[in-house]
Amino acid sequence: MENVDYCISFAALMLDPREIKAANYQYDLPNDRIAAWPLEKRSESKLLIWSKGQIKHSHFYRLAEELVKGDTLFLNHTKVIPARLLFHNRNGGAIEVFCLEPVGVTIEESMSSREHCTWYCLVGGARKWRDDEALHISKSGKELSARMVCREEGRFQIQFTWLGVNSFSDVLTTFGNIPLPPYFKRDAVESDWERYQTVFARYEGSVAAPTASLHFDDELLQLLPQRGIAIRELSLHVGAGTFKPVVSETMRDHDMHSEPFSVPIVTIESCLNQGRCIAVGTTAMRTLESLYWLGRKILLGRWRDDTLFVGQWEPYDHEHKPSKHEALSALISWMKEQERHTLTASTSLMIAPGYQMRVCDGLITNFHQPGSTLILLVAAATGDQWRSIYEEALKNDYRFLSYGDSSLLWISSSESHLPDSSTQPS
């Protein structure tokens, strides 16, 4: 098996993901396979397990049976914000404002703002919004106003002011709506406020749920540690770019969205334990893998204290690539020197075929949209078998996308499965 793993890794190293054609990662997804509503019980969803080319079927509530003592699950504790705001202009025309990210400050700082804040937004019906017009919403003596500041790169800067509400977090709770993905083709209902949110959501900032974690319920979260399976937290705020379609012919011309994340030092330290690291969701995987590249920056002296960032194509150069232990140890040492208990950074990392996993040994994830960057991430984890995995899921009536079923993918080409780096091609 080691020779097979080595061949998979060698092929990946020789592939430049910038030349990947998105058209090669399409598949036929019938509309009736898209789950528009969640199951009554979260953990009743199906679970497809893929390992070394073999597939078996189970249910999510039996996840602990697929893991062993010493494994660690990494969960994204981000919280979805009610980012959709519906205004009307002076003539009654509907204008929808979708908050993406704050301008010039962190999400945490903006959410705690007391009087006003400015966000990058998407605007539906923007042609009905005159430049000098302020839009208003009133509810139970509380008021929210929005004024367009400027437009740039397909999005708008919108300044919000309010009365009768303490913070912008309270503003969104009072006036906003849950931002369901557009492929649901329905409006959010009251139950979505609970179900399009993980049971452990804590840190406000996402405009889309980390959907792989929607399958966990309190019962399963209590069972896993009893079986010797560790659970560690991290946070990556999911941006609307997660739904951005790939329209370019090759990935070279696709701009990956940047997303902020934070990771406690104890979570990073747990990546160096002997057990397997399993990312719960593509967001957790991008965060964990980004830790490696930040550690590499520190080793090479290529970092600035105020700009801890991982670029889209950063992993695909041919310079020195240290071991996981070297990179993460450097990152941990730097944090201790800086007296930081939590790492705050951002990433636009593109994980696609050609990428060798440095931290993650496994991935728990839902079934994603055809031709998306998330399909490319799955293909990076499973090689050219991603298509047979998806065909098997369709054949066995799995439910797809955000409210759909799940999969557990074991990554045979992760660093922990590879021969010593001194024997590999550079």
Protein backbone atom coordinates (compact mmCIF):
# COMPACT_ATOMS: atom_id res chain seq x y z
CA MET A 1 0.00 0.00 0.00
CA GLU A 2 2.89 2.38 0.65
CA ASN A 3 3.88 2.18 -3.04
CA VAL A 4 0.31 3.03 -4.08
CA ASP A 5 0.21 5.99 -1.68
CA TYR A 6 3.58 7.17 -3.00
CA CYS A 7 2.36 7.01 -6.61
CA ILE A 8 -0.74 9.01 -5.72
CA SER A 9 1.41 11.64 -4.03
CA PHE A 10 3.96 11.75 -6.86
CA ALA A 11 1.20 12.28 -9.42
CA ALA A 12 -0.24 15.06 -7.28
CA LEU A 13 3.14 16.77 -6.98
CA MET A 14 3.51 16.79 -10.77
CA LEU A 15 0.10 18.43 -11.35
CA ASP A 16 -0.20 22.22 -11.51
CA PRO A 17 -3.72 23.07 -10.30
CA ARG A 18 -3.62 26.41 -12.09
CA GLU A 19 -4.08 24.51 -15.35
CA ILE A 20 -7.09 22.52 -14.10
CA LYS A 21 -10.22 22.96 -16.19
CA ALA A 22 -13.35 23.37 -14.08
CA ALA A 23 -15.33 21.63 -16.82
CA ASN A 24 -13.56 18.37 -15.87
CA TYR A 25 -15.13 18.53 -12.40
CA GLN A 26 -18.75 18.74 -13.43
CA TYR A 27 -21.32 16.04 -12.78
CA ASP A 28 -25.08 15.70 -13.28
CA LEU A 29 -26.95 16.69 -10.10
CA PRO A 30 -30.74 16.31 -10.50
CA ASN A 31 -32.77 18.98 -8.69
CA ASP A 32 -34.62 16.38 -6.66
CA ARG A 33 -31.35 15.28 -5.04
CA ILE A 34 -30.74 18.72 -3.52
CA ALA A 35 -31.96 18.64 0.09
CA ALA A 36 -34.04 21.79 0.55
CA TRP A 37 -34.98 20.81 4.10
CA PRO A 38 -33.03 19.14 6.92
CA LEU A 39 -33.89 15.77 8.43
CA GLU A 40 -35.87 15.84 11.66
CA LYS A 41 -32.87 14.52 13.63
CA ARG A 42 -29.44 15.87 12.71
CA SER A 43 -27.40 12.69 13.18
CA GLU A 44 -29.83 10.48 11.20
CA SER A 45 -28.17 11.60 7.97
CA LYS A 46 -26.37 9.01 5.86
CA LEU A 47 -22.59 8.70 6.06
CA LEU A 48 -20.52 7.43 3.13
CA ILE A 49 -17.07 6.19 4.18
CA TRP A 50 -14.24 6.10 1.60
CA SER A 51 -10.86 4.59 2.36
CA LYS A 52 -8.16 3.38 -0.05
CA GLY A 53 -10.64 3.07 -2.91
CA GLN A 54 -13.27 1.19 -0.90
CA ILE A 55 -16.73 2.55 -0.06
CA LYS A 56 -19.16 1.56 2.65
CA HIS A 57 -22.39 3.09 3.90
CA SER A 58 -23.46 4.02 7.40
CA HIS A 59 -25.22 6.78 9.35
CA PHE A 60 -23.75 9.81 11.06
CA TYR A 61 -24.81 8.73 14.55
CA ARG A 62 -22.38 5.80 14.10
CA LEU A 63 -19.42 8.07 13.40
CA ALA A 64 -17.58 6.96 16.55
CA GLU A 65 -17.43 3.42 15.15
CA GLU A 66 -15.34 4.68 12.23
CA LEU A 67 -12.78 6.38 14.48
CA VAL A 68 -10.28 5.06 17.01
CA LYS A 69 -8.99 6.19 20.37
CA GLY A 70 -6.49 9.02 19.85
CA ASP A 71 -8.16 10.51 16.78
CA THR A 72 -8.97 14.23 16.90
CA LEU A 73 -11.91 15.98 15.28
CA PHE A 74 -11.51 19.68 14.45
CA LEU A 75 -14.82 21.58 14.44
CA ASN A 76 -15.52 25.06 13.13
CA HIS A 77 -17.27 27.04 15.88
CA THR A 78 -18.28 29.95 13.65
CA LYS A 79 -21.85 31.22 13.91
CA VAL A 80 -24.03 32.22 10.96
CA ILE A 81 -25.29 35.79 11.13
CA PRO A 82 -28.70 36.89 9.73
CA ALA A 83 -26.93 38.70 6.92
CA ARG A 84 -29.88 39.39 4.58
CA LEU A 85 -31.65 42.72 5.07
CA LEU A 86 -34.78 43.66 3.08
CA PHE A 87 -35.37 47.37 2.46
CA HIS A 88 -37.80 49.28 0.25
CA ASN A 89 -37.11 52.50 -1.61
CA ARG A 90 -39.38 55.54 -1.49
CA ASN A 91 -41.49 54.07 -4.30
CA GLY A 92 -41.92 50.72 -2.56
CA GLY A 93 -39.37 48.83 -4.65
CA ALA A 94 -37.71 45.93 -2.80
CA ILE A 95 -33.93 46.14 -2.31
CA GLU A 96 -32.09 43.28 -0.62
CA VAL A 97 -28.76 43.95 1.09
CA PHE A 98 -26.56 40.94 1.81
CA CYS A 99 -23.78 41.73 4.30
CA LEU A 100 -20.46 40.11 3.35
CA GLU A 101 -17.73 41.52 5.59
CA PRO A 102 -16.99 44.75 7.47
CA VAL A 103 -14.81 47.48 6.01
CA GLY A 104 -11.57 48.27 7.81
CA VAL A 105 -12.21 46.39 11.07
CA THR A 106 -12.58 42.80 12.22
CA ILE A 107 -15.95 41.07 12.25
CA GLU A 108 -15.87 40.99 16.04
CA GLU A 109 -15.26 44.76 16.23
CA SER A 110 -18.02 45.53 13.74
CA MET A 111 -20.57 43.23 15.38
CA SER A 112 -20.04 45.07 18.68
CA SER A 113 -20.36 48.55 17.09
CA ARG A 114 -22.84 50.72 18.96
CA GLU A 115 -23.99 53.43 16.53
CA HIS A 116 -22.80 52.79 12.99
CA CYS A 117 -20.61 50.55 10.82
CA THR A 118 -19.77 50.01 7.16
CA TRP A 119 -19.86 46.67 5.35
CA TYR A 120 -19.12 45.29 1.92
CA CYS A 121 -22.45 44.03 0.62
CA LEU A 122 -24.18 42.50 -2.34
CA VAL A 123 -27.29 44.41 -3.35
CA GLY A 124 -30.28 42.91 -5.10
CA GLY A 125 -32.23 45.56 -7.00
CA ALA A 126 -29.36 48.07 -6.86
CA ARG A 127 -30.70 49.91 -9.90
CA LYS A 128 -33.69 50.96 -7.79
CA TRP A 129 -31.44 52.57 -5.18
CA ARG A 130 -30.64 56.22 -5.93
CA ASP A 131 -27.21 57.33 -4.77
CA ASP A 132 -28.54 60.04 -2.45
CA GLU A 133 -31.32 57.94 -0.93
CA ALA A 134 -31.16 56.47 2.56
CA LEU A 135 -33.16 53.27 3.05
CA HIS A 136 -34.97 52.54 6.30
CA ILE A 137 -36.52 49.69 8.27
CA SER A 138 -38.64 50.22 11.39
CA LYS A 139 -39.76 47.57 13.85
CA SER A 140 -41.25 47.95 17.34
CA GLY A 141 -39.76 51.40 17.83
CA LYS A 142 -36.35 50.35 16.50
CA GLU A 143 -34.87 51.82 13.32
CA LEU A 144 -32.16 50.84 10.84
CA SER A 145 -30.89 53.03 8.02
CA ALA A 146 -28.60 52.16 5.11
CA ARG A 147 -26.74 54.53 2.81
CA MET A 148 -24.66 53.54 -0.23
CA VAL A 149 -21.06 54.78 0.07
CA CYS A 150 -19.54 53.44 -3.15
CA ARG A 151 -19.37 50.49 -5.48
CA GLU A 152 -16.21 48.47 -6.16
CA GLU A 153 -15.46 45.12 -7.84
CA GLY A 154 -19.04 43.93 -8.03
CA ARG A 155 -19.94 44.79 -4.45
CA PHE A 156 -21.00 47.88 -2.53
CA GLN A 157 -19.88 49.66 0.60
CA ILE A 158 -22.96 50.27 2.71
CA GLN A 159 -23.00 52.37 5.88
CA PHE A 160 -25.52 51.34 8.52
CA THR A 161 -26.83 53.50 11.37
CA TRP A 162 -29.48 52.54 13.92
CA LEU A 163 -31.57 53.66 16.87
CA GLY A 164 -33.09 51.67 19.72
CA VAL A 165 -30.71 48.71 19.26
CA ASN A 166 -27.49 48.20 21.21
CA SER A 167 -25.02 46.66 18.72
CA PHE A 168 -24.83 45.67 15.07
CA SER A 169 -25.14 42.06 16.22
CA ASP A 170 -28.51 43.00 17.72
CA VAL A 171 -29.37 44.92 14.54
CA LEU A 172 -28.98 41.79 12.43
CA THR A 173 -30.92 39.67 14.93
CA THR A 174 -33.74 42.22 14.90
CA PHE A 175 -33.95 43.04 11.20
CA GLY A 176 -32.00 40.34 9.35
CA ASN A 177 -32.83 37.00 7.80
CA ILE A 178 -30.85 33.74 7.71
CA PRO A 179 -28.81 33.65 4.45
CA LEU A 180 -29.86 30.31 3.00
CA PRO A 181 -27.88 29.25 -0.10
CA PRO A 182 -29.50 30.30 -3.39
CA TYR A 183 -29.88 26.69 -4.58
CA PHE A 184 -32.54 26.09 -1.89
CA LYS A 185 -34.86 28.22 -4.01
CA ARG A 186 -37.01 29.10 -1.01
CA ASP A 187 -37.19 31.73 1.70
CA ALA A 188 -35.92 31.01 5.19
CA VAL A 189 -38.51 29.92 7.76
CA GLU A 190 -38.39 30.02 11.53
CA SER A 191 -36.90 26.53 11.85
CA ASP A 192 -33.89 27.56 9.71
CA TRP A 193 -32.74 29.88 12.50
CA GLU A 194 -31.93 26.73 14.47
CA ARG A 195 -31.19 24.14 11.80
CA TYR A 196 -28.91 26.26 9.57
CA GLN A 197 -26.65 26.62 12.60
CA THR A 198 -24.43 24.08 14.37
CA VAL A 199 -25.34 23.12 17.93
CA PHE A 200 -21.96 24.45 19.09
CA ALA A 201 -21.91 27.74 17.09
CA ARG A 202 -20.20 30.43 19.12
CA TYR A 203 -18.34 33.14 17.16
CA GLU A 204 -20.50 35.37 14.95
CA GLY A 205 -19.31 36.10 11.43
CA SER A 206 -20.30 33.52 8.79
CA VAL A 207 -22.76 34.16 5.99
CA ALA A 208 -22.96 30.43 5.28
CA ALA A 209 -23.00 27.47 7.66
CA PRO A 210 -20.07 25.04 8.02
CA THR A 211 -22.46 22.39 6.79
CA ALA A 212 -20.40 19.29 7.63
CA SER A 213 -20.96 20.15 11.30
CA LEU A 214 -24.74 20.38 10.99
CA HIS A 215 -24.92 16.60 11.51
CA PHE A 216 -23.60 16.72 15.08
CA ASP A 217 -26.07 16.68 17.95
CA ASP A 218 -25.44 16.91 21.69
CA GLU A 219 -25.70 13.15 22.13
CA LEU A 220 -22.95 12.43 19.58
CA LEU A 221 -20.73 15.20 20.95
CA GLN A 222 -20.92 13.56 24.37
CA LEU A 223 -20.29 10.06 23.02
CA LEU A 224 -17.13 10.83 21.06
CA PRO A 225 -14.90 11.84 24.03
CA GLN A 226 -16.16 8.79 25.93
CA ARG A 227 -14.64 6.69 23.12
CA GLY A 228 -11.29 8.49 23.44
CA ILE A 229 -11.84 10.76 20.43
CA ALA A 230 -10.72 14.33 21.08
CA ILE A 231 -12.66 17.38 19.88
CA ARG A 232 -10.85 20.66 19.24
CA GLU A 233 -12.23 24.00 18.16
CA LEU A 234 -11.22 26.52 15.56
CA SER A 235 -13.12 29.26 13.78
CA LEU A 236 -13.20 30.28 10.12
CA HIS A 237 -15.90 32.74 9.09
CA VAL A 238 -17.43 31.48 5.86
CA GLY A 239 -17.85 34.16 3.22
CA ALA A 240 -20.30 34.36 0.33
CA GLY A 241 -17.40 33.43 -1.94
CA THR A 242 -18.05 29.82 -0.98
CA PHE A 243 -20.97 29.98 -3.45
CA LYS A 244 -18.97 31.79 -6.13
CA PRO A 245 -19.16 29.73 -9.33
CA VAL A 246 -16.04 29.00 -11.35
CA VAL A 247 -16.62 30.77 -14.66
CA SER A 248 -13.05 30.83 -15.99
CA GLU A 249 -11.80 28.08 -18.28
CA THR A 250 -8.92 27.20 -15.96
CA MET A 251 -8.41 27.74 -12.23
CA ARG A 252 -5.55 30.16 -12.97
CA ASP A 253 -8.13 32.89 -13.59
CA HIS A 254 -10.37 32.09 -10.62
CA ASP A 255 -9.85 34.32 -7.58
CA MET A 256 -10.30 32.41 -4.34
CA HIS A 257 -12.06 34.40 -1.64
CA SER A 258 -10.18 35.30 1.54
CA GLU A 259 -11.65 34.32 4.90
CA PRO A 260 -10.54 35.21 8.45
CA PHE A 261 -9.86 32.44 10.96
CA SER A 262 -8.71 32.00 14.54
CA VAL A 263 -7.20 28.95 16.23
CA PRO A 264 -6.32 28.49 19.93
CA ILE A 265 -2.75 27.38 20.56
CA VAL A 266 -4.02 24.20 22.26
CA THR A 267 -5.74 23.25 19.00
CA ILE A 268 -2.50 23.70 17.06
CA GLU A 269 -0.59 21.66 19.65
CA SER A 270 -3.10 18.82 19.30
CA CYS A 271 -2.19 18.55 15.59
CA LEU A 272 1.18 17.17 16.73
CA ASN A 273 -0.33 14.30 18.70
CA GLN A 274 0.11 10.74 17.46
CA GLY A 275 -3.54 10.27 16.46
CA ARG A 276 -5.14 11.16 13.15
CA CYS A 277 -6.34 14.70 12.41
CA ILE A 278 -9.85 14.76 10.94
CA ALA A 279 -11.16 18.07 9.60
CA VAL A 280 -14.90 18.46 9.99
CA GLY A 281 -15.73 20.38 6.85
CA THR A 282 -13.82 22.07 4.06
CA THR A 283 -13.54 25.22 6.20
CA ALA A 284 -11.77 23.30 8.97
CA MET A 285 -9.48 21.66 6.40
CA ARG A 286 -8.50 24.98 4.82
CA THR A 287 -7.79 26.35 8.30
CA LEU A 288 -5.66 23.40 9.43
CA GLU A 289 -3.70 23.29 6.20
CA SER A 290 -3.17 27.06 6.37
CA LEU A 291 -1.50 26.58 9.77
CA TYR A 292 1.23 24.59 8.06
CA TRP A 293 1.91 27.34 5.51
CA LEU A 294 2.00 30.00 8.21
CA GLY A 295 4.54 27.91 10.10
CA ARG A 296 6.58 27.62 6.90
CA LYS A 297 6.50 31.43 6.51
CA ILE A 298 7.92 31.80 10.00
CA LEU A 299 10.66 29.26 9.32
CA LEU A 300 11.64 31.11 6.15
CA GLY A 301 11.30 34.57 7.72
CA ARG A 302 8.52 35.52 5.28
CA TRP A 303 5.92 36.92 7.60
CA ARG A 304 4.81 40.22 9.02
CA ASP A 305 3.15 40.48 12.38
CA ASP A 306 0.24 42.49 10.97
CA THR A 307 -0.39 40.38 7.85
CA LEU A 308 -0.63 36.70 8.69
CA PHE A 309 -2.13 35.49 5.44
CA VAL A 310 -1.96 32.42 3.20
CA GLY A 311 -2.25 33.11 -0.51
CA GLN A 312 -4.24 31.13 -3.05
CA TRP A 313 -1.28 29.52 -4.84
CA GLU A 314 1.24 29.61 -2.02
CA PRO A 315 1.59 25.81 -1.66
CA TYR A 316 2.36 25.22 -5.32
CA ASP A 317 5.83 26.68 -5.57
CA HIS A 318 8.84 24.33 -5.46
CA GLU A 319 10.72 25.81 -2.55
CA HIS A 320 11.54 24.17 0.78
CA LYS A 321 8.60 22.38 2.36
CA PRO A 322 9.32 21.42 5.97
CA SER A 323 7.65 18.55 7.80
CA LYS A 324 4.36 19.08 9.60
CA HIS A 325 6.16 18.87 12.93
CA GLU A 326 8.74 21.49 11.91
CA ALA A 327 6.17 23.95 10.55
CA LEU A 328 3.64 23.69 13.37
CA SER A 329 6.36 23.71 16.05
CA ALA A 330 7.70 26.95 14.56
CA LEU A 331 4.22 28.46 14.62
CA ILE A 332 3.65 27.40 18.23
CA SER A 333 7.04 28.75 19.34
CA TRP A 334 6.34 32.08 17.62
CA MET A 335 2.93 32.34 19.34
CA LYS A 336 4.52 31.68 22.74
CA GLU A 337 7.18 34.31 22.09
CA GLN A 338 4.42 36.76 21.16
CA GLU A 339 2.35 35.65 24.19
CA ARG A 340 -0.56 34.80 21.93
CA HIS A 341 -3.02 32.19 23.14
CA THR A 342 -5.01 32.37 19.89
CA LEU A 343 -3.75 32.78 16.33
CA THR A 344 -5.72 35.23 14.18
CA ALA A 345 -5.04 35.18 10.44
CA SER A 346 -6.74 34.84 7.06
CA THR A 347 -6.49 32.50 4.10
CA SER A 348 -7.42 32.25 0.45
CA LEU A 349 -5.78 28.83 0.14
CA MET A 350 -6.89 26.84 -2.89
CA ILE A 351 -6.85 23.10 -2.21
CA ALA A 352 -7.10 21.31 -5.54
CA PRO A 353 -5.62 18.24 -7.26
CA GLY A 354 -1.89 18.74 -7.00
CA TYR A 355 -2.09 19.64 -3.33
CA GLN A 356 -0.51 17.30 -0.78
CA MET A 357 -2.24 17.34 2.60
CA ARG A 358 0.20 18.42 5.29
CA VAL A 359 -1.93 18.31 8.44
CA CYS A 360 -5.19 16.48 7.73
CA ASP A 361 -5.58 12.70 7.61
CA GLY A 362 -9.33 12.67 7.10
CA LEU A 363 -12.20 14.90 6.01
CA ILE A 364 -15.87 14.87 6.98
CA THR A 365 -17.85 16.78 4.37
CA ASN A 366 -21.18 17.00 2.57
CA PHE A 367 -21.67 16.49 -1.17
CA HIS A 368 -20.94 19.66 -3.11
CA GLN A 369 -22.04 21.54 -6.19
CA PRO A 370 -20.73 20.45 -9.61
CA GLY A 371 -17.68 22.34 -10.83
CA SER A 372 -17.15 24.15 -7.52
CA THR A 373 -13.87 24.77 -5.70
CA LEU A 374 -15.22 22.44 -3.00
CA ILE A 375 -15.32 19.59 -5.53
CA LEU A 376 -11.68 20.37 -6.33
CA LEU A 377 -10.87 20.06 -2.63
CA VAL A 378 -12.58 16.66 -2.49
CA ALA A 379 -10.64 15.61 -5.59
CA ALA A 380 -7.40 16.68 -3.91
CA ALA A 381 -8.27 14.37 -1.00
CA THR A 382 -9.42 11.37 -3.05
CA GLY A 383 -7.63 11.67 -6.38
CA ASP A 384 -9.58 10.76 -9.50
CA GLN A 385 -11.96 8.64 -7.41
CA TRP A 386 -14.09 11.62 -6.44
CA ARG A 387 -16.38 10.90 -9.37
CA SER A 388 -17.02 7.28 -8.40
CA ILE A 389 -17.72 8.44 -4.83
CA TYR A 390 -20.35 10.87 -6.07
CA GLU A 391 -21.84 8.33 -8.47
CA GLU A 392 -22.15 5.87 -5.58
CA ALA A 393 -23.86 8.51 -3.45
CA LEU A 394 -26.35 9.35 -6.21
CA LYS A 395 -27.04 5.67 -6.82
CA ASN A 396 -27.79 5.14 -3.13
CA ASP A 397 -30.15 8.09 -2.74
CA TYR A 398 -27.89 10.35 -0.73
CA ARG A 399 -29.13 13.90 -0.23
CA PHE A 400 -26.82 16.62 -1.58
CA LEU A 401 -25.57 20.10 -0.60
CA SER A 402 -26.01 22.05 2.66
CA TYR A 403 -28.91 20.15 4.25
CA GLY A 404 -27.82 16.87 2.67
CA ASP A 405 -25.95 13.78 3.83
CA SER A 406 -22.29 13.42 4.73
CA SER A 407 -19.10 11.54 3.92
CA LEU A 408 -15.92 10.54 5.73
CA LEU A 409 -12.92 10.53 3.40
CA TRP A 410 -9.58 9.09 4.52
CA ILE A 411 -6.68 10.83 2.80
CA SER A 412 -4.09 8.31 1.64
CA SER A 413 -1.72 11.03 0.38
CA SER A 414 -1.46 12.99 3.63
CA GLU A 415 2.02 13.59 5.05
CA SER A 416 1.60 10.94 7.75
CA HIS A 417 1.09 8.28 5.07
CA LEU A 418 4.10 9.25 2.94
CA PRO A 419 7.63 7.85 2.90
CA ASP A 420 10.34 10.01 4.49
CA SER A 421 10.54 13.37 2.69
CA SER A 422 14.20 12.79 1.84
CA THR A 423 13.16 10.05 -0.61
CA GLN A 424 10.55 12.15 -2.43
CA PRO A 425 11.07 14.28 -5.53
CA SER A 426 11.54 17.97 -4.81
